[in-house]
Protein backbone atom coordinates (compact mmCIF):
# COMPACT_ATOMS: atom_id res chain seq x y z
CA MET A 1 -0.33 -0.07 -0.02
CA ASP A 2 1.53 3.56 -0.65
CA SER A 3 2.14 6.15 1.74
CA ILE A 4 0.16 9.33 2.03
CA ILE A 5 3.27 11.21 0.46
CA ASP A 6 3.14 8.72 -2.26
CA GLN A 7 -0.36 9.26 -3.56
CA ALA A 8 0.13 12.50 -2.64
CA LYS A 9 3.20 12.87 -5.21
CA ARG A 10 0.51 11.34 -7.90
CA LYS A 11 -2.02 13.30 -7.44
CA VAL A 12 -0.13 16.49 -7.49
CA GLY A 13 1.71 15.39 -10.47
CA ALA A 14 -1.45 14.58 -12.52
CA TRP A 15 -2.91 17.91 -11.43
CA ALA A 16 0.17 20.01 -12.07
CA GLU A 17 0.18 18.53 -15.69
CA SER A 18 -3.51 18.93 -16.22
CA HIS A 19 -3.06 22.74 -15.20
CA LYS A 20 -0.20 24.14 -16.74
CA HIS A 21 -1.62 27.21 -16.94
CA VAL A 22 -2.02 28.31 -13.46
CA VAL A 23 0.80 26.05 -11.77
CA LEU A 24 3.59 24.61 -12.94
CA TYR A 25 5.42 21.59 -11.35
CA ASP A 26 9.28 19.71 -11.55
CA GLU A 27 9.34 16.59 -9.85
CA GLU A 28 12.78 16.59 -9.25
CA SER A 29 13.01 19.28 -7.05
CA SER A 30 9.58 19.49 -5.56
CA THR A 31 9.13 23.02 -6.87
CA PHE A 32 5.48 24.61 -7.98
CA LEU A 33 5.78 27.76 -9.94
CA ASP A 34 2.64 29.59 -9.61
CA VAL A 35 2.31 30.93 -13.10
CA ALA A 36 0.23 34.40 -12.37
CA SER A 37 3.05 36.00 -9.72
CA ALA A 38 6.34 33.75 -11.95
CA LYS A 39 7.09 32.61 -7.68
CA ARG A 40 8.41 29.68 -6.93
CA ILE A 41 7.75 27.32 -4.00
CA ARG A 42 9.44 24.29 -2.80
CA LEU A 43 7.62 21.23 -1.24
CA SER A 44 9.03 19.03 1.59
CA TRP A 45 7.23 16.03 1.55
CA ARG A 46 8.67 15.01 4.30
CA ASP A 47 6.41 17.59 6.22
CA LEU A 48 3.45 16.39 4.03
CA LYS A 49 0.80 15.62 7.03
CA ASP A 50 -1.98 15.12 5.18
CA PHE A 51 -3.74 15.92 1.30
CA GLU A 52 -7.45 16.17 0.34
CA GLU A 53 -8.91 15.78 -3.24
CA LYS A 54 -12.01 18.34 -3.54
CA ILE A 55 -13.83 19.70 -5.89
CA HIS A 56 -13.68 23.54 -6.05
CA PRO A 57 -18.26 25.34 -5.91
CA GLU A 58 -18.20 27.41 -9.01
CA THR A 59 -15.55 25.79 -11.20
CA LYS A 60 -17.03 22.20 -10.09
CA ASP A 61 -13.05 21.61 -11.20
CA HIS A 62 -10.70 18.99 -8.23
CA TYR A 63 -8.54 20.71 -6.45
CA LEU A 64 -5.67 19.61 -4.21
CA VAL A 65 -5.58 20.90 -0.30
CA LEU A 66 -1.93 19.69 0.96
CA LEU A 67 -1.87 19.95 4.57
CA PHE A 68 1.59 20.02 6.59
CA GLU A 69 3.11 19.33 10.45
CA ASN A 70 3.62 23.25 10.81
CA ASP A 71 0.05 23.42 10.48
CA THR A 72 0.17 25.18 7.09
CA GLN A 73 -1.37 23.97 3.93
CA ILE A 74 -1.13 25.39 0.15
CA ALA A 75 -4.47 24.48 -1.87
CA LEU A 76 -3.49 24.29 -5.92
CA VAL A 77 -6.48 25.34 -7.50
CA ASP A 78 -7.82 26.66 -10.96
CA PRO A 79 -8.05 29.74 -10.91
CA GLY A 80 -5.88 31.37 -8.83
CA GLY A 81 -2.70 28.83 -8.84
CA ILE A 82 -1.32 27.83 -5.26
CA ALA A 83 -3.63 28.80 -2.50
CA PHE A 84 -3.24 29.69 0.87
CA ALA A 85 -4.05 31.54 4.39
CA PRO A 86 -3.79 35.11 4.59
CA SER A 87 -2.09 35.55 7.94
CA THR A 88 -3.69 38.49 10.17
CA GLU A 89 -0.15 38.47 12.66
CA ASN A 90 0.46 41.72 11.26
CA THR A 91 -2.91 43.46 10.51
CA GLY A 92 -5.37 42.43 12.81
CA ALA A 93 -8.65 41.03 11.80
CA LEU A 94 -9.87 42.83 8.47
CA ARG A 95 -13.10 43.39 7.24
CA ASP A 96 -13.37 41.63 3.72
CA LEU A 97 -10.16 39.60 4.30
CA PRO A 98 -11.59 35.84 2.61
CA PRO A 99 -9.85 33.00 4.23
CA VAL A 100 -8.09 31.38 1.21
CA VAL A 101 -5.72 34.07 -0.75
CA CYS A 102 -3.34 33.51 -3.74
CA LEU A 103 -1.14 35.65 -5.36
CA LYS A 104 -3.15 36.67 -8.35
CA ASP A 105 -5.81 38.17 -5.80
CA PHE A 106 -2.85 40.12 -4.38
CA PHE A 107 -2.16 42.05 -8.09
CA ALA A 108 -5.41 42.36 -8.88
CA LEU A 109 -5.77 44.05 -5.42
CA LYS A 110 -2.62 46.23 -6.29
CA GLY A 111 -3.96 47.26 -8.96
CA ARG A 112 -6.96 48.61 -7.75
CA VAL A 113 -4.56 50.49 -5.11
CA ASP A 114 -2.59 52.05 -7.53
CA HIS A 115 -5.59 52.42 -9.83
CA TYR A 116 -6.90 54.74 -6.82
CA LEU A 117 -3.60 56.01 -6.46
CA TYR A 118 -2.29 57.20 -9.91
CA ASP A 119 -5.73 57.63 -12.01
CA HIS A 120 -7.38 59.84 -9.59
CA PRO A 121 -5.33 62.77 -8.24
CA ASP A 122 -7.58 63.51 -5.11
CA GLU A 123 -7.20 62.07 -1.89
CA PRO A 124 -7.92 58.11 -2.04
CA PRO A 125 -10.61 56.79 -0.39
CA ARG A 126 -10.73 54.70 2.73
CA GLU A 127 -10.82 51.32 1.12
CA CYS A 128 -7.73 52.31 -0.03
CA VAL A 129 -6.05 51.64 2.82
CA ASN A 130 -7.99 48.56 3.68
CA LEU A 131 -7.05 46.82 0.29
CA VAL A 132 -3.32 47.39 1.38
CA MET A 133 -3.73 45.83 4.26
CA ILE A 134 -5.02 42.82 2.58
CA CYS A 135 -1.91 43.03 0.52
CA ILE A 136 0.11 42.63 3.31
CA ALA A 137 -2.14 39.94 4.86
CA THR A 138 -1.59 38.05 1.66
CA LEU A 139 2.05 38.52 1.59
CA ASP A 140 2.40 37.46 4.62
CA GLY A 141 0.39 34.47 4.32
CA ALA A 142 2.76 33.77 1.11
CA ARG A 143 6.02 34.14 2.90
CA ALA A 144 4.60 31.54 5.38
CA VAL A 145 3.71 28.88 3.71
CA GLY A 146 7.67 29.43 1.98
CA PHE A 147 7.52 31.67 -1.09
CA ASP A 148 9.93 34.39 -1.49
CA VAL A 149 7.80 38.07 -1.65
CA GLY A 150 10.51 40.44 -0.50
CA ASP A 151 9.73 42.18 -4.16
CA LEU A 152 5.78 42.32 -3.88
CA GLU A 153 6.67 43.79 -0.13
CA GLY A 154 8.41 46.76 -1.70
CA GLU A 155 6.01 47.72 -4.90
CA LEU A 156 3.03 47.30 -1.82
CA GLU A 157 5.77 50.07 0.20
CA LYS A 158 5.63 51.77 -2.42
CA SER A 159 1.99 52.43 -2.68
CA LEU A 160 1.48 52.84 1.07
CA ASN A 161 4.20 55.45 1.45
CA GLU A 162 2.33 57.21 -1.70
CA ILE A 163 -0.98 56.80 0.34
CA GLU A 164 0.45 58.49 4.08
CA ARG A 165 2.10 61.08 1.50
CA ARG A 166 -1.47 62.20 0.69
CA THR A 167 -3.10 61.91 3.48
CA ALA A 168 -0.58 63.53 5.77
């Protein structure tokens, strides 16, 4: 009988093979490439505790949830790519924060922030600050599961500085 890790590896490989438009998987290095963000994450198979195969409520497509010993989890989902829980460690509780996010969400929210800042010269609306906070929680969650998001944090910092400059 196959171990949970062997079963998960087979499922992950098959899922990634049929969803190359959202996630690429290199079996040799156990590395995923999140297509939307071009960010990589390396899996530690020895830390895998369990996995689940589920059906997306909107698309009816199968997706996989990988659960790790440190209580983190990632989901391989279409649309979205690699999904994870946001972290409110640095933001506190946030209104409108979904329980699962992906880096594709970050780019959509960051685009809205930049639209407010650069396409509307007046003071950015309060919603802009809330969007930045959700972006922070998303990046913190991404970091917690292994993504290197330093460059994205730098870009978000520029937007936050612009908000502070305009509202000071």
